[in-house]
PDB file of N, CA and C in Angstrom:
ATOM      1  N   MET A   1      -0.856  21.407 -14.024  1.00  0.00           N
ATOM      2  CA  MET A   1      -0.379  20.593 -15.143  1.00  0.00           C
ATOM      3  C   MET A   1      -1.290  19.376 -15.264  1.00  0.00           C
ATOM      4  N   SER A   2      -1.681  19.101 -16.477  1.00  0.00           N
ATOM      5  CA  SER A   2      -2.531  17.940 -16.721  1.00  0.00           C
ATOM      6  C   SER A   2      -1.669  16.682 -16.848  1.00  0.00           C
ATOM      7  N   ILE A   3      -2.337  15.557 -16.784  1.00  0.00           N
ATOM      8  CA  ILE A   3      -1.636  14.278 -16.961  1.00  0.00           C
ATOM      9  C   ILE A   3      -1.004  14.226 -18.343  1.00  0.00           C
ATOM     10  N   GLU A   4      -1.706  14.720 -19.339  1.00  0.00           N
ATOM     11  CA  GLU A   4      -1.155  14.713 -20.710  1.00  0.00           C
ATOM     12  C   GLU A   4       0.087  15.595 -20.802  1.00  0.00           C
ATOM     13  N   GLU A   5       0.073  16.749 -20.138  1.00  0.00           N
ATOM     14  CA  GLU A   5       1.256  17.617 -20.131  1.00  0.00           C
ATOM     15  C   GLU A   5       2.431  16.938 -19.429  1.00  0.00           C
ATOM     16  N   ALA A   6       2.147  16.268 -18.316  1.00  0.00           N
ATOM     17  CA  ALA A   6       3.198  15.549 -17.598  1.00  0.00           C
ATOM     18  C   ALA A   6       3.765  14.428 -18.463  1.00  0.00           C
ATOM     19  N   ARG A   7       2.894  13.730 -19.167  1.00  0.00           N
ATOM     20  CA  ARG A   7       3.336  12.645 -20.064  1.00  0.00           C
ATOM     21  C   ARG A   7       4.211  13.201 -21.187  1.00  0.00           C
ATOM     22  N   THR A   8       3.799  14.310 -21.762  1.00  0.00           N
ATOM     23  CA  THR A   8       4.572  14.952 -22.824  1.00  0.00           C
ATOM     24  C   THR A   8       5.940  15.377 -22.309  1.00  0.00           C
ATOM     25  N   ASN A   9       5.983  15.952 -21.106  1.00  0.00           N
ATOM     26  CA  ASN A   9       7.257  16.370 -20.514  1.00  0.00           C
ATOM     27  C   ASN A   9       8.174  15.179 -20.266  1.00  0.00           C
ATOM     28  N   LEU A  10       7.605  14.067 -19.799  1.00  0.00           N
ATOM     29  CA  LEU A  10       8.406  12.862 -19.556  1.00  0.00           C
ATOM     30  C   LEU A  10       8.987  12.328 -20.858  1.00  0.00           C
ATOM     31  N   ILE A  11       8.189  12.292 -21.901  1.00  0.00           N
ATOM     32  CA  ILE A  11       8.676  11.829 -23.205  1.00  0.00           C
ATOM     33  C   ILE A  11       9.812  12.726 -23.684  1.00  0.00           C
ATOM     34  N   GLU A  12       9.649  14.039 -23.534  1.00  0.00           N
ATOM     35  CA  GLU A  12      10.696  14.971 -23.949  1.00  0.00           C
ATOM     36  C   GLU A  12      11.983  14.752 -23.152  1.00  0.00           C
ATOM     37  N   ALA A  13      11.858  14.572 -21.843  1.00  0.00           N
ATOM     38  CA  ALA A  13      13.033  14.360 -20.996  1.00  0.00           C
ATOM     39  C   ALA A  13      13.751  13.070 -21.372  1.00  0.00           C
ATOM     40  N   LEU A  14      13.006  12.010 -21.596  1.00  0.00           N
ATOM     41  CA  LEU A  14      13.629  10.734 -21.972  1.00  0.00           C
ATOM     42  C   LEU A  14      14.275  10.822 -23.345  1.00  0.00           C
ATOM     43  N   THR A  15      13.630  11.491 -24.273  1.00  0.00           N
ATOM     44  CA  THR A  15      14.198  11.665 -25.608  1.00  0.00           C
ATOM     45  C   THR A  15      15.521  12.411 -25.535  1.00  0.00           C
ATOM     46  N   LEU A  16      15.551  13.507 -24.767  1.00  0.00           N
ATOM     47  CA  LEU A  16      16.790  14.273 -24.617  1.00  0.00           C
ATOM     48  C   LEU A  16      17.884  13.438 -23.967  1.00  0.00           C
ATOM     49  N   PHE A  17      17.519  12.650 -22.961  1.00  0.00           N
ATOM     50  CA  PHE A  17      18.513  11.794 -22.310  1.00  0.00           C
ATOM     51  C   PHE A  17      19.136  10.834 -23.318  1.00  0.00           C
ATOM     52  N   PHE A  18      18.297  10.139 -24.082  1.00  0.00           N
ATOM     53  CA  PHE A  18      18.823   9.150 -25.025  1.00  0.00           C
ATOM     54  C   PHE A  18      19.575   9.793 -26.186  1.00  0.00           C
ATOM     55  N   GLU A  19      19.254  11.038 -26.510  1.00  0.00           N
ATOM     56  CA  GLU A  19      19.995  11.743 -27.559  1.00  0.00           C
ATOM     57  C   GLU A  19      21.370  12.196 -27.090  1.00  0.00           C
ATOM     58  N   THR A  20      21.509  12.474 -25.800  1.00  0.00           N
ATOM     59  CA  THR A  20      22.754  13.080 -25.312  1.00  0.00           C
ATOM     60  C   THR A  20      23.621  12.163 -24.460  1.00  0.00           C
ATOM     61  N   ALA A  21      23.061  11.134 -23.880  1.00  0.00           N
ATOM     62  CA  ALA A  21      23.838  10.256 -23.000  1.00  0.00           C
ATOM     63  C   ALA A  21      24.749   9.349 -23.817  1.00  0.00           C
ATOM     64  N   SER A  22      25.898   9.049 -23.247  1.00  0.00           N
ATOM     65  CA  SER A  22      26.812   8.115 -23.902  1.00  0.00           C
ATOM     66  C   SER A  22      26.263   6.691 -23.774  1.00  0.00           C
ATOM     67  N   ALA A  23      26.762   5.815 -24.615  1.00  0.00           N
ATOM     68  CA  ALA A  23      26.328   4.416 -24.564  1.00  0.00           C
ATOM     69  C   ALA A  23      26.622   3.802 -23.202  1.00  0.00           C
ATOM     70  N   SER A  24      27.760   4.168 -22.599  1.00  0.00           N
ATOM     71  CA  SER A  24      28.097   3.610 -21.284  1.00  0.00           C
ATOM     72  C   SER A  24      27.159   4.129 -20.200  1.00  0.00           C
ATOM     73  N   GLU A  25      26.733   5.386 -20.321  1.00  0.00           N
ATOM     74  CA  GLU A  25      25.780   5.944 -19.342  1.00  0.00           C
ATOM     75  C   GLU A  25      24.435   5.249 -19.458  1.00  0.00           C
ATOM     76  N   ILE A  26      23.978   5.018 -20.665  1.00  0.00           N
ATOM     77  CA  ILE A  26      22.711   4.315 -20.869  1.00  0.00           C
ATOM     78  C   ILE A  26      22.815   2.897 -20.320  1.00  0.00           C
ATOM     79  N   ALA A  27      23.900   2.205 -20.611  1.00  0.00           N
ATOM     80  CA  ALA A  27      24.088   0.837 -20.128  1.00  0.00           C
ATOM     81  C   ALA A  27      24.120   0.803 -18.604  1.00  0.00           C
ATOM     82  N   ARG A  28      24.763   1.797 -17.989  1.00  0.00           N
ATOM     83  CA  ARG A  28      24.867   1.834 -16.529  1.00  0.00           C
ATOM     84  C   ARG A  28      23.495   1.998 -15.879  1.00  0.00           C
ATOM     85  N   ARG A  29      22.611   2.715 -16.533  1.00  0.00           N
ATOM     86  CA  ARG A  29      21.295   2.988 -15.963  1.00  0.00           C
ATOM     87  C   ARG A  29      20.233   1.959 -16.364  1.00  0.00           C
ATOM     88  N   PHE A  30      20.552   1.092 -17.322  1.00  0.00           N
ATOM     89  CA  PHE A  30      19.565   0.132 -17.806  1.00  0.00           C
ATOM     90  C   PHE A  30      19.347  -0.981 -16.795  1.00  0.00           C
ATOM     91  N   HIS A  31      18.075  -1.304 -16.554  1.00  0.00           N
ATOM     92  CA  HIS A  31      17.700  -2.420 -15.685  1.00  0.00           C
ATOM     93  C   HIS A  31      16.632  -3.219 -16.417  1.00  0.00           C
ATOM     94  N   GLY A  32      16.754  -4.516 -16.395  1.00  0.00           N
ATOM     95  CA  GLY A  32      15.814  -5.369 -17.106  1.00  0.00           C
ATOM     96  C   GLY A  32      14.433  -5.430 -16.478  1.00  0.00           C
ATOM     97  N   GLU A  33      14.355  -5.138 -15.164  1.00  0.00           N
ATOM     98  CA  GLU A  33      13.055  -5.241 -14.534  1.00  0.00           C
ATOM     99  C   GLU A  33      12.269  -3.947 -14.689  1.00  0.00           C
ATOM    100  N   VAL A  34      10.956  -4.098 -14.711  1.00  0.00           N
ATOM    101  CA  VAL A  34      10.069  -2.948 -14.810  1.00  0.00           C
ATOM    102  C   VAL A  34       9.097  -3.028 -13.636  1.00  0.00           C
ATOM    103  N   PHE A  35       8.967  -1.933 -12.920  1.00  0.00           N
ATOM    104  CA  PHE A  35       8.045  -1.880 -11.794  1.00  0.00           C
ATOM    105  C   PHE A  35       6.946  -0.874 -12.105  1.00  0.00           C
ATOM    106  N   VAL A  36       5.714  -1.306 -11.945  1.00  0.00           N
ATOM    107  CA  VAL A  36       4.579  -0.430 -12.154  1.00  0.00           C
ATOM    108  C   VAL A  36       3.756  -0.456 -10.870  1.00  0.00           C
ATOM    109  N   THR A  37       3.404   0.716 -10.402  1.00  0.00           N
ATOM    110  CA  THR A  37       2.611   0.781  -9.182  1.00  0.00           C
ATOM    111  C   THR A  37       1.638   1.940  -9.254  1.00  0.00           C
ATOM    112  N   GLN A  38       0.674   1.912  -8.403  1.00  0.00           N
ATOM    113  CA  GLN A  38      -0.281   3.002  -8.293  1.00  0.00           C
ATOM    114  C   GLN A  38      -0.066   3.676  -6.945  1.00  0.00           C
ATOM    115  N   VAL A  39      -0.107   4.991  -6.931  1.00  0.00           N
ATOM    116  CA  VAL A  39       0.053   5.726  -5.687  1.00  0.00           C
ATOM    117  C   VAL A  39      -1.116   6.684  -5.503  1.00  0.00           C
ATOM    118  N   GLU A  40      -1.392   7.001  -4.259  1.00  0.00           N
ATOM    119  CA  GLU A  40      -2.426   7.983  -3.946  1.00  0.00           C
ATOM    120  C   GLU A  40      -1.741   9.185  -3.320  1.00  0.00           C
ATOM    121  N   VAL A  41      -2.138  10.359  -3.781  1.00  0.00           N
ATOM    122  CA  VAL A  41      -1.584  11.581  -3.230  1.00  0.00           C
ATOM    123  C   VAL A  41      -2.733  12.509  -2.851  1.00  0.00           C
ATOM    124  N   PRO A  42      -2.538  13.270  -1.773  1.00  0.00           N
ATOM    125  CA  PRO A  42      -3.598  14.215  -1.405  1.00  0.00           C
ATOM    126  C   PRO A  42      -3.678  15.354  -2.418  1.00  0.00           C
ATOM    127  N   VAL A  43      -4.864  15.776  -2.731  1.00  0.00           N
ATOM    128  CA  VAL A  43      -5.076  16.864  -3.681  1.00  0.00           C
ATOM    129  C   VAL A  43      -5.888  17.951  -2.965  1.00  0.00           C
ATOM    130  N   GLY A  44      -5.398  19.154  -3.096  1.00  0.00           N
ATOM    131  CA  GLY A  44      -6.164  20.271  -2.568  1.00  0.00           C
ATOM    132  C   GLY A  44      -5.610  20.797  -1.347  1.00  0.00           C
TER     133      GLY A  44
END
């Protein structure tokens, strides 16, 4: 899977979540902070 395919899948998953989740479920999962990090994984 390419990075673009993974990105597309993530967008689809988030879209489906927001289309189907109740307002209370979205509120329960919402957090104001955003964490961004870089990770290294072995390949091969």
